[in-house]
Amino acid sequence: MPYDPRLAARTYASADHDWHIDAAMSEISIQFALDPAKFIGPSIFPSIPVTKQSNRYYVWDKADWFRIPATIRARGTAPKEIEATVSSAGYYCTNYMLATRIPYEDLSNADEALTLEESATRQLMQVLMLDQENRIATLVTAAANTGSGTTLSGTNQWDQGETSSPISDVSTAKAFMRMNTGFEPNTMVVGAQVHDALRLHPDIIDRIKYVQRTTQATVDAALADIFGIPKYVVGTAIKNTGEEPQPVTMSYIWGKTVNLMYVAPAPGVNVPTAGYLFRWKPEGFTDFVVETKDDDNVKARIKRAGYFQDERIVAKELNYLISAAVA
C-alpha cells in the first residue's frame, strides 16, 4: 500500500478550527455561497479568446463611417475616394489566482458535512468571481468610460415617487446613443437598490399591475418591456469591505447606478460592443483552472484557482450612465 502522509496526522486534532463537532448533523453545513447567476459581469462583457497574453486591436474612427461625401461622378472622371482612419488599443491579460491550504489533520478529522475540498474550491471560485464582478462594475460606472450620462438629484431621483420620471430618463439615454452611434441600448443594468425603487414607482406599478403572477422573472420582463430594452439585468452581488480582522461591512457591488449599454450578442472581429473580456488560456489553463496538489513539506493539500483576463471598455459611446438614480 503506498505511503499516505495523511495517515500520520490521524492522531492529531485541529487546535484552532472547528472541523470536528461531536454528534454533528451530517446532512448540512452553513455556507454563504452565492448563486452563480448573481454575477452579471460576463453577461454584459462578452468573452473573446485571444492567443497572446498581450496584443493590440484595431479601432476604426466612427466619423468616417457616417460622413456622406459627394457621390456623383462626372462622365470620364474618377469617383471620389474615401478612406477610413484606424488606430489601435491594447490589452494585457493579468493572471488572477487564489489558493487555499487544507492541513492533513483537518482532512482526517473533519466531519463529512463540511466536505472540505469541495467547500474550499467553492470559496475560491466565489471570491474570484466577486473580484471580477467588482472590477467590471467599477469599470462601467466610471464617468470616463461612458459616452455620456446624467446624475440625478433631489426630486428627480427614482425613489421620489411621482416627481421623478425613470421612463423619460431612459428614453433620453436611448435617444443619445441612437443619435451618436446609430445603435440603441439593448441591455439595462441596474443596482439592487435602484431595482427596488423601480418596483415601487407609481409609473411602473401602473404598468405592471396586470401581470398575473409577479415573480422576479415576470417583473424583470415587464420592466424590460416598459423601458423598451430587450434585456433588463439586476446587479445584486454583495461584498465585504471590512479588512481582516475588522467587523463585516457589507455593501452592494453595483451601486445606485443605471447603465444603458449595447452588448454584442456574440463577440467577434469588427463587432461593436461596450466592453469585452479578453481571455487568454496558456498551456495547462482552462477558463477557470482549478488545481490540487499535496504538499508533504507543510503536510497539507493545496488548492488553487485562477485565470488570465483583461476587461476593457472598447466603445464607450455604447455605455450611458445614470448616476445617483436613487438617494
C-alpha atoms as a PDB file:
ATOM      1  CA  MET A   1       0.000   0.000   0.000  1.00  0.00           C
ATOM      2  CA  PRO A   2       1.523   3.386  -0.973  1.00  0.00           C
ATOM      3  CA  TYR A   3       2.555   5.621   1.900  1.00  0.00           C
ATOM      4  CA  ASP A   4      -0.019   8.322   2.620  1.00  0.00           C
ATOM      5  CA  PRO A   5       1.415  11.164   4.733  1.00  0.00           C
ATOM      6  CA  ARG A   6      -2.070  11.986   5.974  1.00  0.00           C
ATOM      7  CA  LEU A   7      -2.200   8.734   7.917  1.00  0.00           C
ATOM      8  CA  ALA A   8       0.400  10.113  10.291  1.00  0.00           C
ATOM      9  CA  ALA A   9      -1.894  13.018  11.031  1.00  0.00           C
ATOM     10  CA  ARG A  10      -4.906  10.981  12.072  1.00  0.00           C
ATOM     11  CA  THR A  11      -3.981  11.127  15.748  1.00  0.00           C
ATOM     12  CA  TYR A  12      -3.879  14.937  15.732  1.00  0.00           C
ATOM     13  CA  ALA A  13      -6.784  17.312  16.187  1.00  0.00           C
ATOM     14  CA  SER A  14      -7.013  20.784  14.697  1.00  0.00           C
ATOM     15  CA  ALA A  15      -6.470  23.133  17.618  1.00  0.00           C
ATOM     16  CA  ASP A  16      -7.808  26.317  16.060  1.00  0.00           C
ATOM     17  CA  HIS A  17     -10.571  25.226  13.698  1.00  0.00           C
ATOM     18  CA  ASP A  18     -13.915  23.593  14.474  1.00  0.00           C
ATOM     19  CA  TRP A  19     -13.560  20.874  11.882  1.00  0.00           C
ATOM     20  CA  HIS A  20     -14.889  18.130  14.200  1.00  0.00           C
ATOM     21  CA  ILE A  21     -18.120  18.587  16.094  1.00  0.00           C
ATOM     22  CA  ASP A  22     -19.353  15.751  18.274  1.00  0.00           C
ATOM     23  CA  ALA A  23     -22.692  14.370  17.114  1.00  0.00           C
ATOM     24  CA  ALA A  24     -22.958  17.000  14.373  1.00  0.00           C
ATOM     25  CA  MET A  25     -25.706  16.761  11.816  1.00  0.00           C
ATOM     26  CA  SER A  26     -24.157  15.039   8.831  1.00  0.00           C
ATOM     27  CA  GLU A  27     -26.736  16.387   6.386  1.00  0.00           C
ATOM     28  CA  ILE A  28     -25.975  20.120   6.443  1.00  0.00           C
ATOM     29  CA  SER A  29     -23.376  22.795   6.957  1.00  0.00           C
ATOM     30  CA  ILE A  30     -23.879  26.544   6.626  1.00  0.00           C
ATOM     31  CA  GLN A  31     -22.182  28.355   3.752  1.00  0.00           C
ATOM     32  CA  PHE A  32     -22.850  31.802   2.346  1.00  0.00           C
ATOM     33  CA  ALA A  33     -22.257  30.743  -1.249  1.00  0.00           C
ATOM     34  CA  LEU A  34     -23.852  32.950  -3.897  1.00  0.00           C
ATOM     35  CA  ASP A  35     -25.788  31.563  -6.814  1.00  0.00           C
ATOM     36  CA  PRO A  36     -23.521  31.922  -9.894  1.00  0.00           C
ATOM     37  CA  ALA A  37     -26.429  33.734 -11.584  1.00  0.00           C
ATOM     38  CA  LYS A  38     -25.752  36.672  -9.238  1.00  0.00           C
ATOM     39  CA  PHE A  39     -22.632  37.513 -11.229  1.00  0.00           C
ATOM     40  CA  ILE A  40     -23.842  39.580 -14.176  1.00  0.00           C
ATOM     41  CA  GLY A  41     -20.461  40.864 -15.392  1.00  0.00           C
ATOM     42  CA  PRO A  42     -19.939  38.163 -18.033  1.00  0.00           C
ATOM     43  CA  SER A  43     -23.433  38.817 -19.424  1.00  0.00           C
ATOM     44  CA  ILE A  44     -22.599  42.445 -20.268  1.00  0.00           C
ATOM     45  CA  PHE A  45     -18.964  41.918 -21.308  1.00  0.00           C
ATOM     46  CA  PRO A  46     -18.766  39.159 -23.934  1.00  0.00           C
ATOM     47  CA  SER A  47     -15.682  36.975 -23.598  1.00  0.00           C
ATOM     48  CA  ILE A  48     -13.347  36.903 -26.569  1.00  0.00           C
ATOM     49  CA  PRO A  49     -10.492  34.353 -26.633  1.00  0.00           C
ATOM     50  CA  VAL A  50      -7.038  35.639 -27.548  1.00  0.00           C
ATOM     51  CA  THR A  51      -3.892  33.752 -28.494  1.00  0.00           C
ATOM     52  CA  LYS A  52      -1.401  36.103 -26.836  1.00  0.00           C
ATOM     53  CA  GLN A  53      -1.238  37.443 -23.289  1.00  0.00           C
ATOM     54  CA  SER A  54      -0.926  40.979 -24.654  1.00  0.00           C
ATOM     55  CA  ASN A  55      -1.620  42.430 -28.074  1.00  0.00           C
ATOM     56  CA  ARG A  56      -3.217  45.287 -29.992  1.00  0.00           C
ATOM     57  CA  TYR A  57      -6.629  45.561 -31.625  1.00  0.00           C
ATOM     58  CA  TYR A  58      -7.893  47.989 -34.257  1.00  0.00           C
ATOM     59  CA  VAL A  59     -10.250  50.868 -33.502  1.00  0.00           C
ATOM     60  CA  TRP A  60     -11.991  52.398 -36.514  1.00  0.00           C
ATOM     61  CA  ASP A  61     -12.854  56.111 -36.454  1.00  0.00           C
ATOM     62  CA  LYS A  62     -16.623  56.368 -36.169  1.00  0.00           C
ATOM     63  CA  ALA A  63     -16.761  59.696 -38.017  1.00  0.00           C
ATOM     64  CA  ASP A  64     -15.512  58.175 -41.281  1.00  0.00           C
ATOM     65  CA  TRP A  65     -18.356  55.643 -41.324  1.00  0.00           C
ATOM     66  CA  PHE A  66     -21.138  58.222 -41.045  1.00  0.00           C
ATOM     67  CA  ARG A  67     -19.841  61.132 -43.121  1.00  0.00           C
ATOM     68  CA  ILE A  68     -21.618  61.444 -46.505  1.00  0.00           C
ATOM     69  CA  PRO A  69     -19.311  62.732 -49.264  1.00  0.00           C
ATOM     70  CA  ALA A  70     -20.213  63.825 -52.774  1.00  0.00           C
ATOM     71  CA  THR A  71     -21.040  60.616 -54.620  1.00  0.00           C
ATOM     72  CA  ILE A  72     -21.904  61.893 -58.110  1.00  0.00           C
ATOM     73  CA  ARG A  73     -19.261  61.001 -60.709  1.00  0.00           C
ATOM     74  CA  ALA A  74     -18.954  63.120 -63.843  1.00  0.00           C
ATOM     75  CA  ARG A  75     -18.503  61.342 -67.164  1.00  0.00           C
ATOM     76  CA  GLY A  76     -14.867  60.491 -67.841  1.00  0.00           C
ATOM     77  CA  THR A  77     -13.697  61.208 -64.285  1.00  0.00           C
ATOM     78  CA  ALA A  78     -12.651  59.013 -61.405  1.00  0.00           C
ATOM     79  CA  PRO A  79     -15.021  58.558 -58.471  1.00  0.00           C
ATOM     80  CA  LYS A  80     -14.266  60.430 -55.263  1.00  0.00           C
ATOM     81  CA  GLU A  81     -12.041  58.346 -52.998  1.00  0.00           C
ATOM     82  CA  ILE A  82     -12.787  57.941 -49.315  1.00  0.00           C
ATOM     83  CA  GLU A  83     -10.746  56.330 -46.595  1.00  0.00           C
ATOM     84  CA  ALA A  84     -11.214  55.121 -43.065  1.00  0.00           C
ATOM     85  CA  THR A  85      -8.979  56.216 -40.222  1.00  0.00           C
ATOM     86  CA  VAL A  86      -7.879  53.460 -37.896  1.00  0.00           C
ATOM     87  CA  SER A  87      -5.987  53.480 -34.623  1.00  0.00           C
ATOM     88  CA  SER A  88      -5.174  50.738 -32.150  1.00  0.00           C
ATOM     89  CA  ALA A  89      -5.568  49.969 -28.473  1.00  0.00           C
ATOM     90  CA  GLY A  90      -4.035  47.251 -26.359  1.00  0.00           C
ATOM     91  CA  TYR A  91      -4.941  44.666 -23.761  1.00  0.00           C
ATOM     92  CA  TYR A  92      -2.936  42.682 -21.223  1.00  0.00           C
ATOM     93  CA  CYS A  93      -4.354  39.531 -19.652  1.00  0.00           C
ATOM     94  CA  THR A  94      -3.441  39.607 -15.975  1.00  0.00           C
ATOM     95  CA  ASN A  95      -3.285  36.336 -14.037  1.00  0.00           C
ATOM     96  CA  TYR A  96      -5.891  36.389 -11.268  1.00  0.00           C
ATOM     97  CA  MET A  97      -5.304  33.485  -8.867  1.00  0.00           C
ATOM     98  CA  LEU A  98      -6.030  32.449  -5.290  1.00  0.00           C
ATOM     99  CA  ALA A  99      -5.038  29.424  -3.230  1.00  0.00           C
ATOM    100  CA  THR A 100      -6.107  27.776  -0.002  1.00  0.00           C
ATOM    101  CA  ARG A 101      -4.436  25.219   2.227  1.00  0.00           C
ATOM    102  CA  ILE A 102      -6.153  22.290   3.935  1.00  0.00           C
ATOM    103  CA  PRO A 103      -3.922  20.642   6.558  1.00  0.00           C
ATOM    104  CA  TYR A 104      -3.908  16.842   6.535  1.00  0.00           C
ATOM    105  CA  GLU A 105      -5.073  16.939  10.153  1.00  0.00           C
ATOM    106  CA  ASP A 106      -8.235  18.729   9.096  1.00  0.00           C
ATOM    107  CA  LEU A 107      -8.847  16.374   6.169  1.00  0.00           C
ATOM    108  CA  SER A 108      -8.639  13.405   8.524  1.00  0.00           C
ATOM    109  CA  ASN A 109     -10.625  14.910  11.383  1.00  0.00           C
ATOM    110  CA  ALA A 110     -13.380  16.814   9.588  1.00  0.00           C
ATOM    111  CA  ASP A 111     -16.984  15.709   9.689  1.00  0.00           C
ATOM    112  CA  GLU A 112     -18.431  14.697   6.344  1.00  0.00           C
ATOM    113  CA  ALA A 113     -20.908  17.587   6.334  1.00  0.00           C
ATOM    114  CA  LEU A 114     -18.058  20.059   5.897  1.00  0.00           C
ATOM    115  CA  THR A 115     -16.871  18.488   2.604  1.00  0.00           C
ATOM    116  CA  LEU A 116     -13.643  20.425   2.983  1.00  0.00           C
ATOM    117  CA  GLU A 117     -12.224  20.089  -0.505  1.00  0.00           C
ATOM    118  CA  GLU A 118     -15.493  20.904  -2.258  1.00  0.00           C
ATOM    119  CA  SER A 119     -16.083  23.875   0.050  1.00  0.00           C
ATOM    120  CA  ALA A 120     -12.535  25.163  -0.448  1.00  0.00           C
ATOM    121  CA  THR A 121     -12.988  25.092  -4.218  1.00  0.00           C
ATOM    122  CA  ARG A 122     -16.356  26.794  -3.965  1.00  0.00           C
ATOM    123  CA  GLN A 123     -14.899  29.598  -1.833  1.00  0.00           C
ATOM    124  CA  LEU A 124     -12.003  30.144  -4.250  1.00  0.00           C
ATOM    125  CA  MET A 125     -14.384  30.388  -7.186  1.00  0.00           C
ATOM    126  CA  GLN A 126     -16.792  32.726  -5.403  1.00  0.00           C
ATOM    127  CA  VAL A 127     -14.086  35.167  -4.301  1.00  0.00           C
ATOM    128  CA  LEU A 128     -12.553  35.193  -7.793  1.00  0.00           C
ATOM    129  CA  MET A 129     -15.972  35.835  -9.321  1.00  0.00           C
ATOM    130  CA  LEU A 130     -16.678  38.601  -6.799  1.00  0.00           C
ATOM    131  CA  ASP A 131     -13.378  40.211  -7.739  1.00  0.00           C
ATOM    132  CA  GLN A 132     -14.251  40.044 -11.445  1.00  0.00           C
ATOM    133  CA  GLU A 133     -17.727  41.432 -10.798  1.00  0.00           C
ATOM    134  CA  ASN A 134     -16.276  44.296  -8.771  1.00  0.00           C
ATOM    135  CA  ARG A 135     -13.757  45.178 -11.499  1.00  0.00           C
ATOM    136  CA  ILE A 136     -16.420  45.216 -14.227  1.00  0.00           C
ATOM    137  CA  ALA A 137     -18.857  47.269 -12.120  1.00  0.00           C
ATOM    138  CA  THR A 138     -16.118  49.781 -11.309  1.00  0.00           C
ATOM    139  CA  LEU A 139     -15.168  49.980 -14.978  1.00  0.00           C
ATOM    140  CA  VAL A 140     -18.614  50.581 -16.464  1.00  0.00           C
ATOM    141  CA  THR A 141     -19.729  53.054 -13.786  1.00  0.00           C
ATOM    142  CA  ALA A 142     -16.682  55.329 -14.183  1.00  0.00           C
ATOM    143  CA  ALA A 143     -17.672  58.534 -15.974  1.00  0.00           C
ATOM    144  CA  ALA A 144     -14.533  58.389 -18.133  1.00  0.00           C
ATOM    145  CA  ASN A 145     -15.751  55.088 -19.614  1.00  0.00           C
ATOM    146  CA  THR A 146     -19.137  56.347 -20.797  1.00  0.00           C
ATOM    147  CA  GLY A 147     -20.282  58.149 -23.907  1.00  0.00           C
ATOM    148  CA  SER A 148     -22.468  60.369 -21.785  1.00  0.00           C
ATOM    149  CA  GLY A 149     -24.706  60.283 -18.768  1.00  0.00           C
ATOM    150  CA  THR A 150     -26.508  62.219 -16.096  1.00  0.00           C
ATOM    151  CA  THR A 151     -26.509  62.451 -12.314  1.00  0.00           C
ATOM    152  CA  LEU A 152     -29.925  62.639 -10.688  1.00  0.00           C
ATOM    153  CA  SER A 153     -30.623  64.577  -7.538  1.00  0.00           C
ATOM    154  CA  GLY A 154     -33.450  65.560  -5.225  1.00  0.00           C
ATOM    155  CA  THR A 155     -36.934  65.085  -6.590  1.00  0.00           C
ATOM    156  CA  ASN A 156     -35.588  63.643  -9.863  1.00  0.00           C
ATOM    157  CA  GLN A 157     -34.248  60.513  -8.168  1.00  0.00           C
ATOM    158  CA  TRP A 158     -36.325  57.437  -8.860  1.00  0.00           C
ATOM    159  CA  ASP A 159     -37.232  56.723  -5.249  1.00  0.00           C
ATOM    160  CA  GLN A 160     -39.001  60.115  -5.009  1.00  0.00           C
ATOM    161  CA  GLY A 161     -42.300  58.913  -6.462  1.00  0.00           C
ATOM    162  CA  GLU A 162     -44.301  60.986  -8.911  1.00  0.00           C
ATOM    163  CA  THR A 163     -41.783  63.838  -9.105  1.00  0.00           C
ATOM    164  CA  SER A 164     -39.311  61.571 -10.932  1.00  0.00           C
ATOM    165  CA  SER A 165     -39.598  60.026 -14.374  1.00  0.00           C
ATOM    166  CA  PRO A 166     -37.439  56.928 -14.923  1.00  0.00           C
ATOM    167  CA  ILE A 167     -39.086  56.129 -18.266  1.00  0.00           C
ATOM    168  CA  SER A 168     -38.294  59.593 -19.584  1.00  0.00           C
ATOM    169  CA  ASP A 169     -34.702  59.413 -18.282  1.00  0.00           C
ATOM    170  CA  VAL A 170     -34.140  56.098 -20.047  1.00  0.00           C
ATOM    171  CA  SER A 171     -35.691  57.464 -23.233  1.00  0.00           C
ATOM    172  CA  THR A 172     -33.185  60.318 -23.130  1.00  0.00           C
ATOM    173  CA  ALA A 173     -30.330  57.822 -22.833  1.00  0.00           C
ATOM    174  CA  LYS A 174     -31.652  55.766 -25.742  1.00  0.00           C
ATOM    175  CA  ALA A 175     -32.038  58.847 -27.928  1.00  0.00           C
ATOM    176  CA  PHE A 176     -28.488  59.992 -27.153  1.00  0.00           C
ATOM    177  CA  MET A 177     -26.936  56.643 -28.072  1.00  0.00           C
ATOM    178  CA  ARG A 178     -29.039  56.345 -31.214  1.00  0.00           C
ATOM    179  CA  MET A 179     -28.033  59.822 -32.374  1.00  0.00           C
ATOM    180  CA  ASN A 180     -24.327  59.363 -31.656  1.00  0.00           C
ATOM    181  CA  THR A 181     -23.746  55.755 -32.728  1.00  0.00           C
ATOM    182  CA  GLY A 182     -26.655  54.500 -34.797  1.00  0.00           C
ATOM    183  CA  PHE A 183     -27.189  51.803 -32.140  1.00  0.00           C
ATOM    184  CA  GLU A 184     -29.763  51.593 -29.386  1.00  0.00           C
ATOM    185  CA  PRO A 185     -29.000  50.113 -25.977  1.00  0.00           C
ATOM    186  CA  ASN A 186     -30.104  46.504 -25.728  1.00  0.00           C
ATOM    187  CA  THR A 187     -29.148  45.987 -22.074  1.00  0.00           C
ATOM    188  CA  MET A 188     -30.167  47.909 -18.964  1.00  0.00           C
ATOM    189  CA  VAL A 189     -28.104  47.214 -15.829  1.00  0.00           C
ATOM    190  CA  VAL A 190     -29.492  48.460 -12.518  1.00  0.00           C
ATOM    191  CA  GLY A 191     -28.207  48.111  -8.979  1.00  0.00           C
ATOM    192  CA  ALA A 192     -30.385  46.236  -6.492  1.00  0.00           C
ATOM    193  CA  GLN A 193     -31.422  49.438  -4.689  1.00  0.00           C
ATOM    194  CA  VAL A 194     -32.472  51.006  -7.973  1.00  0.00           C
ATOM    195  CA  HIS A 195     -34.479  47.909  -8.874  1.00  0.00           C
ATOM    196  CA  ASP A 196     -36.278  48.000  -5.524  1.00  0.00           C
ATOM    197  CA  ALA A 197     -37.203  51.647  -6.089  1.00  0.00           C
ATOM    198  CA  LEU A 198     -38.461  50.972  -9.615  1.00  0.00           C
ATOM    199  CA  ARG A 199     -40.782  48.217  -8.403  1.00  0.00           C
ATOM    200  CA  LEU A 200     -42.432  50.768  -6.098  1.00  0.00           C
ATOM    201  CA  HIS A 201     -42.502  53.682  -8.536  1.00  0.00           C
ATOM    202  CA  PRO A 202     -46.053  54.820  -9.451  1.00  0.00           C
ATOM    203  CA  ASP A 203     -45.293  54.851 -13.190  1.00  0.00           C
ATOM    204  CA  ILE A 204     -44.045  51.263 -13.035  1.00  0.00           C
ATOM    205  CA  ILE A 205     -46.753  49.935 -10.722  1.00  0.00           C
ATOM    206  CA  ASP A 206     -49.403  51.327 -13.054  1.00  0.00           C
ATOM    207  CA  ARG A 207     -47.913  49.367 -15.945  1.00  0.00           C
ATOM    208  CA  ILE A 208     -47.271  46.014 -14.249  1.00  0.00           C
ATOM    209  CA  LYS A 209     -50.355  45.748 -12.055  1.00  0.00           C
ATOM    210  CA  TYR A 210     -51.988  43.459 -14.598  1.00  0.00           C
ATOM    211  CA  VAL A 211     -49.148  40.939 -14.576  1.00  0.00           C
ATOM    212  CA  GLN A 212     -50.896  37.753 -13.496  1.00  0.00           C
ATOM    213  CA  ARG A 213     -48.058  36.370 -11.401  1.00  0.00           C
ATOM    214  CA  THR A 214     -45.439  38.813 -10.168  1.00  0.00           C
ATOM    215  CA  THR A 215     -42.366  36.623  -9.881  1.00  0.00           C
ATOM    216  CA  GLN A 216     -38.879  38.075 -10.187  1.00  0.00           C
ATOM    217  CA  ALA A 217     -38.706  36.875 -13.794  1.00  0.00           C
ATOM    218  CA  THR A 218     -42.074  38.338 -14.803  1.00  0.00           C
ATOM    219  CA  VAL A 219     -41.341  41.683 -13.126  1.00  0.00           C
ATOM    220  CA  ASP A 220     -37.944  41.890 -14.847  1.00  0.00           C
ATOM    221  CA  ALA A 221     -39.551  41.022 -18.180  1.00  0.00           C
ATOM    222  CA  ALA A 222     -42.247  43.651 -17.601  1.00  0.00           C
ATOM    223  CA  LEU A 223     -39.620  46.272 -16.766  1.00  0.00           C
ATOM    224  CA  ALA A 224     -37.716  45.427 -19.950  1.00  0.00           C
ATOM    225  CA  ASP A 225     -40.917  45.935 -21.938  1.00  0.00           C
ATOM    226  CA  ILE A 226     -41.738  49.198 -20.160  1.00  0.00           C
ATOM    227  CA  PHE A 227     -38.310  50.672 -20.876  1.00  0.00           C
ATOM    228  CA  GLY A 228     -38.157  49.221 -24.377  1.00  0.00           C
ATOM    229  CA  ILE A 229     -34.891  47.422 -23.626  1.00  0.00           C
ATOM    230  CA  PRO A 230     -34.512  43.757 -24.666  1.00  0.00           C
ATOM    231  CA  LYS A 231     -32.511  42.788 -21.573  1.00  0.00           C
ATOM    232  CA  TYR A 232     -33.039  44.080 -18.027  1.00  0.00           C
ATOM    233  CA  VAL A 233     -30.360  42.942 -15.553  1.00  0.00           C
ATOM    234  CA  VAL A 234     -30.205  43.479 -11.790  1.00  0.00           C
ATOM    235  CA  GLY A 235     -26.851  43.593 -10.024  1.00  0.00           C
ATOM    236  CA  THR A 236     -27.423  42.028  -6.596  1.00  0.00           C
ATOM    237  CA  ALA A 237     -23.935  40.741  -5.749  1.00  0.00           C
ATOM    238  CA  ILE A 238     -22.556  41.942  -2.413  1.00  0.00           C
ATOM    239  CA  LYS A 239     -19.068  42.269  -0.959  1.00  0.00           C
ATOM    240  CA  ASN A 240     -17.463  42.646   2.443  1.00  0.00           C
ATOM    241  CA  THR A 241     -15.388  45.844   2.528  1.00  0.00           C
ATOM    242  CA  GLY A 242     -14.129  45.244   6.066  1.00  0.00           C
ATOM    243  CA  GLU A 243     -10.446  44.366   6.227  1.00  0.00           C
ATOM    244  CA  GLU A 244      -9.483  41.304   8.259  1.00  0.00           C
ATOM    245  CA  PRO A 245      -9.934  41.153  11.265  1.00  0.00           C
ATOM    246  CA  GLN A 246     -12.306  44.147  11.251  1.00  0.00           C
ATOM    247  CA  PRO A 247     -16.088  43.649  11.538  1.00  0.00           C
ATOM    248  CA  VAL A 248     -18.015  42.632   8.447  1.00  0.00           C
ATOM    249  CA  THR A 249     -19.174  45.609   6.384  1.00  0.00           C
ATOM    250  CA  MET A 250     -21.426  44.543   3.541  1.00  0.00           C
ATOM    251  CA  SER A 251     -22.225  46.654   0.501  1.00  0.00           C
ATOM    252  CA  TYR A 252     -23.599  46.177  -2.994  1.00  0.00           C
ATOM    253  CA  ILE A 253     -21.053  45.797  -5.781  1.00  0.00           C
ATOM    254  CA  TRP A 254     -23.438  47.519  -8.185  1.00  0.00           C
ATOM    255  CA  GLY A 255     -24.347  50.783  -6.523  1.00  0.00           C
ATOM    256  CA  LYS A 256     -27.177  53.223  -7.106  1.00  0.00           C
ATOM    257  CA  THR A 257     -26.481  53.437 -10.817  1.00  0.00           C
ATOM    258  CA  VAL A 258     -28.066  52.522 -14.141  1.00  0.00           C
ATOM    259  CA  ASN A 259     -26.118  51.609 -17.270  1.00  0.00           C
ATOM    260  CA  LEU A 260     -27.750  51.638 -20.698  1.00  0.00           C
ATOM    261  CA  MET A 261     -25.454  49.591 -22.920  1.00  0.00           C
ATOM    262  CA  TYR A 262     -25.236  47.965 -26.291  1.00  0.00           C
ATOM    263  CA  VAL A 263     -23.888  44.450 -25.760  1.00  0.00           C
ATOM    264  CA  ALA A 264     -22.981  42.390 -28.817  1.00  0.00           C
ATOM    265  CA  PRO A 265     -24.945  39.106 -28.954  1.00  0.00           C
ATOM    266  CA  ALA A 266     -21.678  37.348 -29.806  1.00  0.00           C
ATOM    267  CA  PRO A 267     -18.076  38.595 -29.779  1.00  0.00           C
ATOM    268  CA  GLY A 268     -16.078  38.877 -32.961  1.00  0.00           C
ATOM    269  CA  VAL A 269     -13.709  40.905 -35.108  1.00  0.00           C
ATOM    270  CA  ASN A 270     -15.206  44.304 -36.037  1.00  0.00           C
ATOM    271  CA  VAL A 271     -18.227  43.621 -33.807  1.00  0.00           C
ATOM    272  CA  PRO A 272     -19.082  46.720 -31.734  1.00  0.00           C
ATOM    273  CA  THR A 273     -19.949  46.338 -28.069  1.00  0.00           C
ATOM    274  CA  ALA A 274     -19.475  48.406 -24.934  1.00  0.00           C
ATOM    275  CA  GLY A 275     -16.826  46.129 -23.458  1.00  0.00           C
ATOM    276  CA  TYR A 276     -15.011  42.842 -23.892  1.00  0.00           C
ATOM    277  CA  LEU A 277     -13.397  40.276 -21.653  1.00  0.00           C
ATOM    278  CA  PHE A 278     -10.094  39.335 -23.289  1.00  0.00           C
ATOM    279  CA  ARG A 279      -9.439  35.788 -22.058  1.00  0.00           C
ATOM    280  CA  TRP A 280      -6.090  34.082 -22.575  1.00  0.00           C
ATOM    281  CA  LYS A 281      -5.604  30.383 -21.911  1.00  0.00           C
ATOM    282  CA  PRO A 282      -1.921  29.425 -21.797  1.00  0.00           C
ATOM    283  CA  GLU A 283      -0.806  25.815 -21.708  1.00  0.00           C
ATOM    284  CA  GLY A 284      -2.460  23.980 -18.834  1.00  0.00           C
ATOM    285  CA  PHE A 285      -5.240  26.516 -18.238  1.00  0.00           C
ATOM    286  CA  THR A 286      -8.967  26.376 -18.830  1.00  0.00           C
ATOM    287  CA  ASP A 287     -11.328  29.326 -18.393  1.00  0.00           C
ATOM    288  CA  PHE A 288     -11.130  28.918 -14.631  1.00  0.00           C
ATOM    289  CA  VAL A 289      -8.427  26.357 -13.914  1.00  0.00           C
ATOM    290  CA  VAL A 290      -8.647  24.553 -10.557  1.00  0.00           C
ATOM    291  CA  GLU A 291      -5.578  22.660  -9.391  1.00  0.00           C
ATOM    292  CA  THR A 292      -4.906  20.396  -6.420  1.00  0.00           C
ATOM    293  CA  LYS A 293      -1.526  19.446  -5.036  1.00  0.00           C
ATOM    294  CA  ASP A 294      -0.418  17.525  -1.949  1.00  0.00           C
ATOM    295  CA  ASP A 295       2.487  19.320  -0.263  1.00  0.00           C
ATOM    296  CA  ASP A 296       4.215  16.979   2.161  1.00  0.00           C
ATOM    297  CA  ASN A 297       6.562  19.759   3.287  1.00  0.00           C
ATOM    298  CA  VAL A 298       3.695  21.533   5.040  1.00  0.00           C
ATOM    299  CA  LYS A 299       1.506  18.429   5.442  1.00  0.00           C
ATOM    300  CA  ALA A 300      -1.395  19.973   3.577  1.00  0.00           C
ATOM    301  CA  ARG A 301      -3.429  19.734   0.424  1.00  0.00           C
ATOM    302  CA  ILE A 302      -3.192  22.913  -1.633  1.00  0.00           C
ATOM    303  CA  LYS A 303      -5.977  24.053  -3.914  1.00  0.00           C
ATOM    304  CA  ARG A 304      -5.666  26.982  -6.272  1.00  0.00           C
ATOM    305  CA  ALA A 305      -7.841  28.518  -8.942  1.00  0.00           C
ATOM    306  CA  GLY A 306      -7.202  31.232 -11.479  1.00  0.00           C
ATOM    307  CA  TYR A 307      -7.447  32.622 -14.982  1.00  0.00           C
ATOM    308  CA  PHE A 308      -5.827  35.170 -17.328  1.00  0.00           C
ATOM    309  CA  GLN A 309      -8.058  38.074 -18.328  1.00  0.00           C
ATOM    310  CA  ASP A 310      -8.341  41.753 -19.156  1.00  0.00           C
ATOM    311  CA  GLU A 311     -11.598  43.709 -19.079  1.00  0.00           C
ATOM    312  CA  ARG A 312     -11.765  46.618 -21.485  1.00  0.00           C
ATOM    313  CA  ILE A 313     -14.261  49.276 -22.476  1.00  0.00           C
ATOM    314  CA  VAL A 314     -13.840  49.121 -26.253  1.00  0.00           C
ATOM    315  CA  ALA A 315     -16.632  51.527 -27.278  1.00  0.00           C
ATOM    316  CA  LYS A 316     -17.558  53.914 -24.502  1.00  0.00           C
ATOM    317  CA  GLU A 317     -20.154  55.528 -26.798  1.00  0.00           C
ATOM    318  CA  LEU A 318     -22.196  52.360 -26.262  1.00  0.00           C
ATOM    319  CA  ASN A 319     -22.346  52.903 -22.494  1.00  0.00           C
ATOM    320  CA  TYR A 320     -24.630  55.570 -20.988  1.00  0.00           C
ATOM    321  CA  LEU A 321     -24.567  56.088 -17.204  1.00  0.00           C
ATOM    322  CA  ILE A 322     -27.275  57.367 -14.876  1.00  0.00           C
ATOM    323  CA  SER A 323     -25.616  58.055 -11.522  1.00  0.00           C
ATOM    324  CA  ALA A 324     -27.352  58.502  -8.144  1.00  0.00           C
ATOM    325  CA  ALA A 325     -30.549  57.078  -9.578  1.00  0.00           C
ATOM    326  CA  VAL A 326     -31.839  56.748  -6.003  1.00  0.00           C
ATOM    327  CA  ALA A 327     -30.988  58.656  -2.843  1.00  0.00           C
END
